[in-house]
Amino acid sequence: MENRKGWQKGTGLRLFTVVALCLLGMLLSGCSWQHPGETAQEVSRRHERSLQLNNQMMLSDIDRVLLLDRPSHLTDKRIP
């Protein structure tokens, strides 16, 4: 029984050490959401492009659902 408690204490300390080292590594590596050296105008341009691409893909999906993405195979001539 005493060995189990000692093992649990060692495991908890080891886990804490690993988590602390990972957090320290992320802190020192400069992990952030922004790209390094990106200006406000570049961020705005990137967001605008992302919204434009999302809009194009959404319209393409709507056209596919409404069957507007394929040409009609119907004839333009009247059948008597």
PDB file of N, CA and C in Angstrom:
ATOM      1  N   MET A   1       0.816  -1.191   0.000  1.00  0.00           N
ATOM      2  CA  MET A   1       0.000   0.000   0.000  1.00  0.00           C
ATOM      3  C   MET A   1       0.859   1.254   0.000  1.00  0.00           C
ATOM      4  N   GLU A   2       1.924   1.258   0.759  1.00  0.00           N
ATOM      5  CA  GLU A   2       2.769   2.440   0.823  1.00  0.00           C
ATOM      6  C   GLU A   2       3.450   2.697  -0.512  1.00  0.00           C
ATOM      7  N   ASN A   3       3.774   1.649  -1.237  1.00  0.00           N
ATOM      8  CA  ASN A   3       4.413   1.822  -2.537  1.00  0.00           C
ATOM      9  C   ASN A   3       3.478   2.496  -3.535  1.00  0.00           C
ATOM     10  N   ARG A   4       2.187   2.177  -3.443  1.00  0.00           N
ATOM     11  CA  ARG A   4       1.228   2.789  -4.358  1.00  0.00           C
ATOM     12  C   ARG A   4       1.122   4.290  -4.125  1.00  0.00           C
ATOM     13  N   LYS A   5       1.097   4.707  -2.879  1.00  0.00           N
ATOM     14  CA  LYS A   5       1.003   6.133  -2.586  1.00  0.00           C
ATOM     15  C   LYS A   5       2.251   6.858  -3.071  1.00  0.00           C
ATOM     16  N   GLY A   6       3.394   6.263  -2.873  1.00  0.00           N
ATOM     17  CA  GLY A   6       4.633   6.858  -3.353  1.00  0.00           C
ATOM     18  C   GLY A   6       4.649   6.947  -4.867  1.00  0.00           C
ATOM     19  N   TRP A   7       4.118   5.919  -5.529  1.00  0.00           N
ATOM     20  CA  TRP A   7       4.056   5.910  -6.984  1.00  0.00           C
ATOM     21  C   TRP A   7       3.119   7.004  -7.485  1.00  0.00           C
ATOM     22  N   GLN A   8       1.988   7.197  -6.787  1.00  0.00           N
ATOM     23  CA  GLN A   8       1.037   8.226  -7.193  1.00  0.00           C
ATOM     24  C   GLN A   8       1.625   9.621  -7.010  1.00  0.00           C
ATOM     25  N   LYS A   9       2.355   9.837  -5.951  1.00  0.00           N
ATOM     26  CA  LYS A   9       2.980  11.144  -5.732  1.00  0.00           C
ATOM     27  C   LYS A   9       4.016  11.420  -6.810  1.00  0.00           C
ATOM     28  N   GLY A  10       4.807  10.425  -7.137  1.00  0.00           N
ATOM     29  CA  GLY A  10       5.820  10.592  -8.178  1.00  0.00           C
ATOM     30  C   GLY A  10       5.202  10.854  -9.537  1.00  0.00           C
ATOM     31  N   THR A  11       4.095  10.193  -9.830  1.00  0.00           N
ATOM     32  CA  THR A  11       3.418  10.382 -11.112  1.00  0.00           C
ATOM     33  C   THR A  11       2.825  11.779 -11.207  1.00  0.00           C
ATOM     34  N   GLY A  12       2.216  12.243 -10.137  1.00  0.00           N
ATOM     35  CA  GLY A  12       1.645  13.588 -10.135  1.00  0.00           C
ATOM     36  C   GLY A  12       2.711  14.650 -10.326  1.00  0.00           C
ATOM     37  N   LEU A  13       3.841  14.476  -9.673  1.00  0.00           N
ATOM     38  CA  LEU A  13       4.944  15.425  -9.805  1.00  0.00           C
ATOM     39  C   LEU A  13       5.508  15.393 -11.214  1.00  0.00           C
ATOM     40  N   ARG A  14       5.631  14.191 -11.766  1.00  0.00           N
ATOM     41  CA  ARG A  14       6.144  14.044 -13.126  1.00  0.00           C
ATOM     42  C   ARG A  14       5.203  14.710 -14.134  1.00  0.00           C
ATOM     43  N   LEU A  15       3.905  14.491 -13.962  1.00  0.00           N
ATOM     44  CA  LEU A  15       2.913  15.091 -14.851  1.00  0.00           C
ATOM     45  C   LEU A  15       2.948  16.615 -14.755  1.00  0.00           C
ATOM     46  N   PHE A  16       3.033  17.133 -13.542  1.00  0.00           N
ATOM     47  CA  PHE A  16       3.119  18.576 -13.346  1.00  0.00           C
ATOM     48  C   PHE A  16       4.362  19.144 -14.023  1.00  0.00           C
ATOM     49  N   THR A  17       5.479  18.442 -13.905  1.00  0.00           N
ATOM     50  CA  THR A  17       6.726  18.896 -14.515  1.00  0.00           C
ATOM     51  C   THR A  17       6.611  18.924 -16.034  1.00  0.00           C
ATOM     52  N   VAL A  18       6.019  17.889 -16.612  1.00  0.00           N
ATOM     53  CA  VAL A  18       5.868  17.832 -18.070  1.00  0.00           C
ATOM     54  C   VAL A  18       4.966  18.961 -18.559  1.00  0.00           C
ATOM     55  N   VAL A  19       3.845  19.187 -17.876  1.00  0.00           N
ATOM     56  CA  VAL A  19       2.928  20.257 -18.270  1.00  0.00           C
ATOM     57  C   VAL A  19       3.608  21.614 -18.130  1.00  0.00           C
ATOM     58  N   ALA A  20       4.338  21.824 -17.050  1.00  0.00           N
ATOM     59  CA  ALA A  20       5.033  23.093 -16.836  1.00  0.00           C
ATOM     60  C   ALA A  20       6.078  23.324 -17.920  1.00  0.00           C
ATOM     61  N   LEU A  21       6.814  22.293 -18.309  1.00  0.00           N
ATOM     62  CA  LEU A  21       7.819  22.437 -19.365  1.00  0.00           C
ATOM     63  C   LEU A  21       7.169  22.727 -20.716  1.00  0.00           C
ATOM     64  N   CYS A  22       6.042  22.092 -20.993  1.00  0.00           N
ATOM     65  CA  CYS A  22       5.324  22.365 -22.249  1.00  0.00           C
ATOM     66  C   CYS A  22       4.840  23.813 -22.291  1.00  0.00           C
ATOM     67  N   LEU A  23       4.271  24.287 -21.195  1.00  0.00           N
ATOM     68  CA  LEU A  23       3.806  25.673 -21.145  1.00  0.00           C
ATOM     69  C   LEU A  23       4.966  26.654 -21.268  1.00  0.00           C
ATOM     70  N   LEU A  24       6.073  26.349 -20.625  1.00  0.00           N
ATOM     71  CA  LEU A  24       7.249  27.205 -20.720  1.00  0.00           C
ATOM     72  C   LEU A  24       7.774  27.232 -22.152  1.00  0.00           C
ATOM     73  N   GLY A  25       7.787  26.087 -22.806  1.00  0.00           N
ATOM     74  CA  GLY A  25       8.232  26.025 -24.200  1.00  0.00           C
ATOM     75  C   GLY A  25       7.336  26.834 -25.122  1.00  0.00           C
ATOM     76  N   MET A  26       6.028  26.755 -24.904  1.00  0.00           N
ATOM     77  CA  MET A  26       5.103  27.543 -25.724  1.00  0.00           C
ATOM     78  C   MET A  26       5.277  29.033 -25.458  1.00  0.00           C
ATOM     79  N   LEU A  27       5.512  29.391 -24.213  1.00  0.00           N
ATOM     80  CA  LEU A  27       5.692  30.793 -23.860  1.00  0.00           C
ATOM     81  C   LEU A  27       6.964  31.356 -24.495  1.00  0.00           C
ATOM     82  N   LEU A  28       8.036  30.584 -24.460  1.00  0.00           N
ATOM     83  CA  LEU A  28       9.307  31.053 -24.999  1.00  0.00           C
ATOM     84  C   LEU A  28       9.347  31.028 -26.526  1.00  0.00           C
ATOM     85  N   SER A  29       8.549  30.173 -27.143  1.00  0.00           N
ATOM     86  CA  SER A  29       8.576  30.090 -28.609  1.00  0.00           C
ATOM     87  C   SER A  29       7.730  31.175 -29.259  1.00  0.00           C
ATOM     88  N   GLY A  30       6.991  31.917 -28.492  1.00  0.00           N
ATOM     89  CA  GLY A  30       6.193  33.002 -29.044  1.00  0.00           C
ATOM     90  C   GLY A  30       4.948  32.505 -29.745  1.00  0.00           C
ATOM     91  N   CYS A  31       4.339  31.492 -29.215  1.00  0.00           N
ATOM     92  CA  CYS A  31       3.136  30.922 -29.809  1.00  0.00           C
ATOM     93  C   CYS A  31       2.006  31.941 -29.696  1.00  0.00           C
ATOM     94  N   SER A  32       1.479  32.373 -30.853  1.00  0.00           N
ATOM     95  CA  SER A  32       0.380  33.335 -30.830  1.00  0.00           C
ATOM     96  C   SER A  32      -0.550  33.065 -31.991  1.00  0.00           C
ATOM     97  N   TRP A  33      -1.696  33.743 -32.001  1.00  0.00           N
ATOM     98  CA  TRP A  33      -2.684  33.554 -33.059  1.00  0.00           C
ATOM     99  C   TRP A  33      -2.323  34.351 -34.296  1.00  0.00           C
ATOM    100  N   GLN A  34      -1.612  35.444 -34.144  1.00  0.00           N
ATOM    101  CA  GLN A  34      -1.234  36.264 -35.288  1.00  0.00           C
ATOM    102  C   GLN A  34       0.019  35.698 -35.940  1.00  0.00           C
ATOM    103  N   HIS A  35       0.132  35.971 -37.226  1.00  0.00           N
ATOM    104  CA  HIS A  35       1.339  35.571 -37.927  1.00  0.00           C
ATOM    105  C   HIS A  35       2.429  36.589 -37.596  1.00  0.00           C
ATOM    106  N   PRO A  36       3.665  36.162 -37.509  1.00  0.00           N
ATOM    107  CA  PRO A  36       4.732  37.098 -37.139  1.00  0.00           C
ATOM    108  C   PRO A  36       4.943  38.165 -38.213  1.00  0.00           C
ATOM    109  N   GLY A  37       5.054  39.390 -37.782  1.00  0.00           N
ATOM    110  CA  GLY A  37       5.338  40.489 -38.692  1.00  0.00           C
ATOM    111  C   GLY A  37       4.187  40.837 -39.617  1.00  0.00           C
ATOM    112  N   GLU A  38       2.971  40.578 -39.218  1.00  0.00           N
ATOM    113  CA  GLU A  38       1.815  40.845 -40.071  1.00  0.00           C
ATOM    114  C   GLU A  38       1.202  42.188 -39.689  1.00  0.00           C
ATOM    115  N   THR A  39       1.020  43.049 -40.682  1.00  0.00           N
ATOM    116  CA  THR A  39       0.447  44.366 -40.404  1.00  0.00           C
ATOM    117  C   THR A  39      -1.072  44.273 -40.328  1.00  0.00           C
ATOM    118  N   ALA A  40      -1.691  45.352 -39.857  1.00  0.00           N
ATOM    119  CA  ALA A  40      -3.151  45.379 -39.735  1.00  0.00           C
ATOM    120  C   ALA A  40      -3.811  45.282 -41.105  1.00  0.00           C
ATOM    121  N   GLN A  41      -3.199  45.890 -42.113  1.00  0.00           N
ATOM    122  CA  GLN A  41      -3.769  45.830 -43.462  1.00  0.00           C
ATOM    123  C   GLN A  41      -3.684  44.408 -44.027  1.00  0.00           C
ATOM    124  N   GLU A  42      -2.597  43.710 -43.740  1.00  0.00           N
ATOM    125  CA  GLU A  42      -2.470  42.320 -44.196  1.00  0.00           C
ATOM    126  C   GLU A  42      -3.502  41.427 -43.512  1.00  0.00           C
ATOM    127  N   VAL A  43      -3.748  41.672 -42.246  1.00  0.00           N
ATOM    128  CA  VAL A  43      -4.774  40.909 -41.524  1.00  0.00           C
ATOM    129  C   VAL A  43      -6.137  41.167 -42.147  1.00  0.00           C
ATOM    130  N   SER A  44      -6.424  42.436 -42.432  1.00  0.00           N
ATOM    131  CA  SER A  44      -7.699  42.797 -43.048  1.00  0.00           C
ATOM    132  C   SER A  44      -7.841  42.139 -44.416  1.00  0.00           C
ATOM    133  N   ARG A  45      -6.765  42.157 -45.205  1.00  0.00           N
ATOM    134  CA  ARG A  45      -6.786  41.541 -46.531  1.00  0.00           C
ATOM    135  C   ARG A  45      -7.004  40.033 -46.438  1.00  0.00           C
ATOM    136  N   ARG A  46      -6.363  39.404 -45.465  1.00  0.00           N
ATOM    137  CA  ARG A  46      -6.509  37.951 -45.278  1.00  0.00           C
ATOM    138  C   ARG A  46      -7.936  37.599 -44.868  1.00  0.00           C
ATOM    139  N   HIS A  47      -8.521  38.389 -43.977  1.00  0.00           N
ATOM    140  CA  HIS A  47      -9.904  38.148 -43.550  1.00  0.00           C
ATOM    141  C   HIS A  47     -10.874  38.357 -44.709  1.00  0.00           C
ATOM    142  N   GLU A  48     -10.644  39.410 -45.491  1.00  0.00           N
ATOM    143  CA  GLU A  48     -11.511  39.688 -46.633  1.00  0.00           C
ATOM    144  C   GLU A  48     -11.452  38.552 -47.651  1.00  0.00           C
ATOM    145  N   ARG A  49     -10.255  38.054 -47.912  1.00  0.00           N
ATOM    146  CA  ARG A  49     -10.102  36.940 -48.860  1.00  0.00           C
ATOM    147  C   ARG A  49     -10.780  35.682 -48.329  1.00  0.00           C
ATOM    148  N   SER A  50     -10.650  35.432 -47.048  1.00  0.00           N
ATOM    149  CA  SER A  50     -11.286  34.260 -46.449  1.00  0.00           C
ATOM    150  C   SER A  50     -12.806  34.347 -46.564  1.00  0.00           C
ATOM    151  N   LEU A  51     -13.368  35.513 -46.291  1.00  0.00           N
ATOM    152  CA  LEU A  51     -14.818  35.697 -46.421  1.00  0.00           C
ATOM    153  C   LEU A  51     -15.265  35.549 -47.871  1.00  0.00           C
ATOM    154  N   GLN A  52     -14.469  36.072 -48.804  1.00  0.00           N
ATOM    155  CA  GLN A  52     -14.807  35.965 -50.221  1.00  0.00           C
ATOM    156  C   GLN A  52     -14.807  34.504 -50.673  1.00  0.00           C
ATOM    157  N   LEU A  53     -13.795  33.742 -50.264  1.00  0.00           N
ATOM    158  CA  LEU A  53     -13.729  32.325 -50.629  1.00  0.00           C
ATOM    159  C   LEU A  53     -14.874  31.535 -50.004  1.00  0.00           C
ATOM    160  N   ASN A  54     -15.192  31.832 -48.751  1.00  0.00           N
ATOM    161  CA  ASN A  54     -16.314  31.153 -48.099  1.00  0.00           C
ATOM    162  C   ASN A  54     -17.628  31.449 -48.818  1.00  0.00           C
ATOM    163  N   ASN A  55     -17.806  32.699 -49.251  1.00  0.00           N
ATOM    164  CA  ASN A  55     -19.017  33.078 -49.972  1.00  0.00           C
ATOM    165  C   ASN A  55     -19.101  32.342 -51.312  1.00  0.00           C
ATOM    166  N   GLN A  56     -17.986  32.255 -52.036  1.00  0.00           N
ATOM    167  CA  GLN A  56     -17.972  31.545 -53.313  1.00  0.00           C
ATOM    168  C   GLN A  56     -18.306  30.070 -53.134  1.00  0.00           C
ATOM    169  N   MET A  57     -17.741  29.449 -52.105  1.00  0.00           N
ATOM    170  CA  MET A  57     -18.017  28.029 -51.868  1.00  0.00           C
ATOM    171  C   MET A  57     -19.474  27.810 -51.468  1.00  0.00           C
ATOM    172  N   MET A  58     -20.032  28.732 -50.680  1.00  0.00           N
ATOM    173  CA  MET A  58     -21.425  28.606 -50.275  1.00  0.00           C
ATOM    174  C   MET A  58     -22.349  28.732 -51.489  1.00  0.00           C
ATOM    175  N   LEU A  59     -22.081  29.699 -52.370  1.00  0.00           N
ATOM    176  CA  LEU A  59     -22.896  29.861 -53.571  1.00  0.00           C
ATOM    177  C   LEU A  59     -22.755  28.664 -54.501  1.00  0.00           C
ATOM    178  N   SER A  60     -21.574  28.095 -54.577  1.00  0.00           N
ATOM    179  CA  SER A  60     -21.368  26.891 -55.384  1.00  0.00           C
ATOM    180  C   SER A  60     -22.185  25.725 -54.838  1.00  0.00           C
ATOM    181  N   ASP A  61     -22.219  25.585 -53.522  1.00  0.00           N
ATOM    182  CA  ASP A  61     -23.024  24.522 -52.907  1.00  0.00           C
ATOM    183  C   ASP A  61     -24.515  24.737 -53.163  1.00  0.00           C
ATOM    184  N   ILE A  62     -24.970  25.977 -53.078  1.00  0.00           N
ATOM    185  CA  ILE A  62     -26.383  26.274 -53.342  1.00  0.00           C
ATOM    186  C   ILE A  62     -26.722  25.960 -54.794  1.00  0.00           C
ATOM    187  N   ASP A  63     -25.840  26.348 -55.731  1.00  0.00           N
ATOM    188  CA  ASP A  63     -26.069  26.034 -57.143  1.00  0.00           C
ATOM    189  C   ASP A  63     -26.137  24.530 -57.373  1.00  0.00           C
ATOM    190  N   ARG A  64     -25.300  23.783 -56.688  1.00  0.00           N
ATOM    191  CA  ARG A  64     -25.307  22.331 -56.848  1.00  0.00           C
ATOM    192  C   ARG A  64     -26.616  21.732 -56.323  1.00  0.00           C
ATOM    193  N   VAL A  65     -27.112  22.244 -55.201  1.00  0.00           N
ATOM    194  CA  VAL A  65     -28.366  21.735 -54.635  1.00  0.00           C
ATOM    195  C   VAL A  65     -29.538  22.056 -55.560  1.00  0.00           C
ATOM    196  N   LEU A  66     -29.535  23.250 -56.143  1.00  0.00           N
ATOM    197  CA  LEU A  66     -30.624  23.660 -57.031  1.00  0.00           C
ATOM    198  C   LEU A  66     -30.417  23.194 -58.473  1.00  0.00           C
ATOM    199  N   LEU A  67     -29.381  22.411 -58.707  1.00  0.00           N
ATOM    200  CA  LEU A  67     -29.042  21.861 -60.027  1.00  0.00           C
ATOM    201  C   LEU A  67     -28.795  22.956 -61.060  1.00  0.00           C
ATOM    202  N   LEU A  68     -28.213  24.053 -60.645  1.00  0.00           N
ATOM    203  CA  LEU A  68     -27.888  25.146 -61.557  1.00  0.00           C
ATOM    204  C   LEU A  68     -26.441  25.092 -62.029  1.00  0.00           C
ATOM    205  N   ASP A  69     -25.679  24.137 -61.538  1.00  0.00           N
ATOM    206  CA  ASP A  69     -24.268  24.070 -61.892  1.00  0.00           C
ATOM    207  C   ASP A  69     -24.013  23.301 -63.185  1.00  0.00           C
ATOM    208  N   ARG A  70     -25.055  22.617 -63.724  1.00  0.00           N
ATOM    209  CA  ARG A  70     -24.906  21.850 -64.963  1.00  0.00           C
ATOM    210  C   ARG A  70     -25.774  22.461 -66.057  1.00  0.00           C
ATOM    211  N   PRO A  71     -25.323  22.384 -67.300  1.00  0.00           N
ATOM    212  CA  PRO A  71     -26.165  22.908 -68.381  1.00  0.00           C
ATOM    213  C   PRO A  71     -27.385  22.019 -68.592  1.00  0.00           C
ATOM    214  N   SER A  72     -28.453  22.615 -69.057  1.00  0.00           N
ATOM    215  CA  SER A  72     -29.676  21.867 -69.317  1.00  0.00           C
ATOM    216  C   SER A  72     -29.509  21.062 -70.600  1.00  0.00           C
ATOM    217  N   HIS A  73     -30.017  19.849 -70.605  1.00  0.00           N
ATOM    218  CA  HIS A  73     -29.949  19.003 -71.794  1.00  0.00           C
ATOM    219  C   HIS A  73     -31.273  19.018 -72.549  1.00  0.00           C
ATOM    220  N   LEU A  74     -32.121  19.959 -72.226  1.00  0.00           N
ATOM    221  CA  LEU A  74     -33.397  20.083 -72.916  1.00  0.00           C
ATOM    222  C   LEU A  74     -33.191  20.769 -74.260  1.00  0.00           C
ATOM    223  N   THR A  75     -34.007  20.400 -75.223  1.00  0.00           N
ATOM    224  CA  THR A  75     -33.903  21.027 -76.539  1.00  0.00           C
ATOM    225  C   THR A  75     -34.615  22.376 -76.537  1.00  0.00           C
ATOM    226  N   ASP A  76     -34.147  23.263 -77.387  1.00  0.00           N
ATOM    227  CA  ASP A  76     -34.792  24.563 -77.496  1.00  0.00           C
ATOM    228  C   ASP A  76     -35.830  24.573 -78.621  1.00  0.00           C
ATOM    229  N   LYS A  77     -36.024  23.454 -79.279  1.00  0.00           N
ATOM    230  CA  LYS A  77     -36.992  23.342 -80.367  1.00  0.00           C
ATOM    231  C   LYS A  77     -38.307  22.775 -79.835  1.00  0.00           C
ATOM    232  N   ARG A  78     -39.384  23.259 -80.396  1.00  0.00           N
ATOM    233  CA  ARG A  78     -40.707  22.769 -79.992  1.00  0.00           C
ATOM    234  C   ARG A  78     -41.024  21.474 -80.720  1.00  0.00           C
ATOM    235  N   ILE A  79     -41.619  20.547 -80.024  1.00  0.00           N
ATOM    236  CA  ILE A  79     -42.029  19.285 -80.627  1.00  0.00           C
ATOM    237  C   ILE A  79     -43.530  19.369 -80.888  1.00  0.00           C
ATOM    238  N   PRO A  80     -43.972  19.163 -82.159  1.00  0.00           N
ATOM    239  CA  PRO A  80     -45.408  19.298 -82.455  1.00  0.00           C
ATOM    240  C   PRO A  80     -46.239  18.195 -81.855  1.00  0.00           C
TER     241      PRO A  80
END
